[in-house]
Amino acid sequence: MTLLAIEALEAVATELGVPPFDPVAARRTIVTRGLEVEALRGREFAIEAGGGPVRLGGGRPAAPCAWMDVVLAPGAHAALRGRAGVRCAALSSGTLRAGPATMTVTDGLGDPDPARAGLPHRRRARA
């Protein structure tokens, strides 16, 4: 599954000078608000959405596809690079329901910064 911060879509729409996007068009499994999803890469966390907590492991960044230029707006593909979300693996079974949810980081490394929700994440240069 893929997590995406709605703030990323809002920022891209503003940058491109177009109306807000329908988050469903971005084809991500979970759309969040106030969560720095990029900080979840390589971390374990749980989402509780009414069906008991579901443990997830944050993996690689989700790359936007060129189709974003068609379903969102011309230029969305490039604008979403570095902020198109994070691919996650389910580490437990459970049910996620649409609507409000809570996220708990379970790896003990601290919580992501909500102020960074939707900001572009750039790869660090290798030494």
Protein backbone atom coordinates (compact mmCIF):
# COMPACT_ATOMS: atom_id res chain seq x y z
CA MET A 1 0.00 0.00 0.00
CA THR A 2 1.05 3.59 -0.48
CA LEU A 3 0.69 6.56 1.89
CA LEU A 4 0.50 10.10 0.52
CA ALA A 5 0.23 13.43 2.35
CA ILE A 6 -2.68 15.50 1.03
CA GLU A 7 -0.47 18.53 1.63
CA ALA A 8 1.73 17.34 -1.27
CA LEU A 9 -1.24 17.37 -3.65
CA GLU A 10 -2.36 20.76 -2.36
CA ALA A 11 1.12 22.23 -2.84
CA VAL A 12 1.42 20.83 -6.37
CA ALA A 13 -1.99 22.24 -7.36
CA THR A 14 -0.95 25.64 -6.01
CA GLU A 15 2.42 25.50 -7.80
CA LEU A 16 0.72 24.60 -11.08
CA GLY A 17 -2.00 27.21 -10.62
CA VAL A 18 -4.85 24.72 -10.93
CA PRO A 19 -7.86 23.88 -8.73
CA PRO A 20 -7.35 21.34 -5.91
CA PHE A 21 -6.97 17.73 -7.04
CA ASP A 22 -9.31 14.90 -6.18
CA PRO A 23 -7.03 12.74 -3.97
CA VAL A 24 -8.55 9.57 -5.45
CA ALA A 25 -6.99 10.48 -8.81
CA ALA A 26 -3.49 10.13 -7.30
CA ARG A 27 -4.12 6.37 -6.93
CA ARG A 28 -2.68 6.05 -3.43
CA THR A 29 -4.11 3.65 -0.86
CA ILE A 30 -4.05 6.00 2.13
CA VAL A 31 -4.15 9.79 1.98
CA THR A 32 -3.12 11.53 5.20
CA ARG A 33 -3.28 15.05 6.60
CA GLY A 34 -0.70 16.37 9.05
CA LEU A 35 1.67 13.42 8.66
CA GLU A 36 5.22 13.60 7.30
CA VAL A 37 4.94 10.35 5.36
CA GLU A 38 8.48 10.59 3.95
CA ALA A 39 9.82 10.20 7.52
CA LEU A 40 8.23 6.73 7.68
CA ARG A 41 10.68 5.22 5.20
CA GLY A 42 12.46 2.30 6.87
CA ARG A 43 10.30 2.57 10.00
CA GLU A 44 7.56 0.54 11.65
CA PHE A 45 4.28 2.17 12.58
CA ALA A 46 0.63 1.32 13.17
CA ILE A 47 -2.57 2.85 11.83
CA GLU A 48 -5.82 2.54 13.77
CA ALA A 49 -8.91 3.28 11.71
CA GLY A 50 -11.67 1.54 13.60
CA GLY A 51 -10.75 -2.09 12.94
CA GLY A 52 -7.83 -2.47 15.35
CA PRO A 53 -4.27 -1.36 14.71
CA VAL A 54 -2.60 -2.46 11.49
CA ARG A 55 1.20 -2.56 11.68
CA LEU A 56 3.06 -1.33 8.61
CA GLY A 57 6.66 -1.04 7.53
CA GLY A 58 7.63 2.02 5.53
CA GLY A 59 9.62 1.18 2.43
CA ARG A 60 10.83 2.96 -0.66
CA PRO A 61 9.46 6.24 -1.94
CA ALA A 62 6.55 6.00 -4.35
CA ALA A 63 7.49 7.34 -7.75
CA PRO A 64 4.85 9.33 -9.59
CA CYS A 65 4.00 8.11 -13.06
CA ALA A 66 3.55 10.18 -16.20
CA TRP A 67 -0.19 9.45 -15.99
CA MET A 68 -0.33 12.16 -13.26
CA ASP A 69 0.03 14.74 -16.06
CA VAL A 70 -3.22 13.38 -17.55
CA VAL A 71 -5.38 12.75 -14.47
CA LEU A 72 -4.19 15.68 -12.32
CA ALA A 73 -2.68 18.43 -14.51
CA PRO A 74 0.17 18.94 -16.95
CA GLY A 75 3.37 19.19 -14.90
CA ALA A 76 2.06 17.11 -11.96
CA HIS A 77 4.39 14.22 -12.74
CA ALA A 78 7.51 16.32 -12.29
CA ALA A 79 6.07 18.33 -9.39
CA LEU A 80 5.29 15.17 -7.40
CA ARG A 81 8.84 13.81 -7.56
CA GLY A 82 10.14 13.47 -4.02
CA ARG A 83 6.69 13.81 -2.45
CA ALA A 84 4.50 11.16 -4.12
CA GLY A 85 4.30 9.09 -0.94
CA VAL A 86 5.85 6.02 0.61
CA ARG A 87 5.24 2.38 -0.26
CA CYS A 88 4.47 0.27 2.81
CA ALA A 89 4.27 -3.42 3.63
CA ALA A 90 1.61 -4.83 5.93
CA LEU A 91 3.27 -6.40 8.99
CA SER A 92 0.00 -7.56 10.53
CA SER A 93 -3.51 -8.26 9.38
CA GLY A 94 -6.40 -5.96 10.12
CA THR A 95 -8.98 -3.66 8.67
CA LEU A 96 -8.50 -0.03 7.66
CA ARG A 97 -11.68 1.96 7.21
CA ALA A 98 -12.19 5.23 5.38
CA GLY A 99 -12.32 8.21 7.69
CA PRO A 100 -10.32 9.49 10.64
CA ALA A 101 -7.43 7.36 11.83
CA THR A 102 -4.49 7.60 14.20
CA MET A 103 -0.89 6.70 13.46
CA THR A 104 1.58 5.52 16.08
CA VAL A 105 5.27 5.04 15.40
CA THR A 106 6.26 1.73 16.96
CA ASP A 107 10.03 1.76 16.42
CA GLY A 108 10.85 4.13 19.29
CA LEU A 109 12.63 6.66 17.04
CA GLY A 110 10.18 9.51 17.64
CA ASP A 111 7.26 10.91 15.72
CA PRO A 112 7.45 12.49 12.25
CA ASP A 113 7.18 16.29 12.10
CA PRO A 114 3.63 17.33 11.06
CA ALA A 115 5.01 20.68 9.84
CA ARG A 116 6.91 18.77 7.12
CA ALA A 117 3.81 17.00 5.75
CA GLY A 118 3.88 17.16 1.96
CA LEU A 119 7.29 18.81 1.66
CA PRO A 120 9.55 17.36 -1.02
CA HIS A 121 12.07 14.80 0.11
CA ARG A 122 15.31 14.75 -1.78
CA ARG A 123 17.78 11.90 -1.76
CA ARG A 124 20.97 12.56 0.12
CA ALA A 125 24.13 12.67 -1.94
CA ARG A 126 26.28 9.59 -1.43
CA ALA A 127 29.75 10.13 -0.03
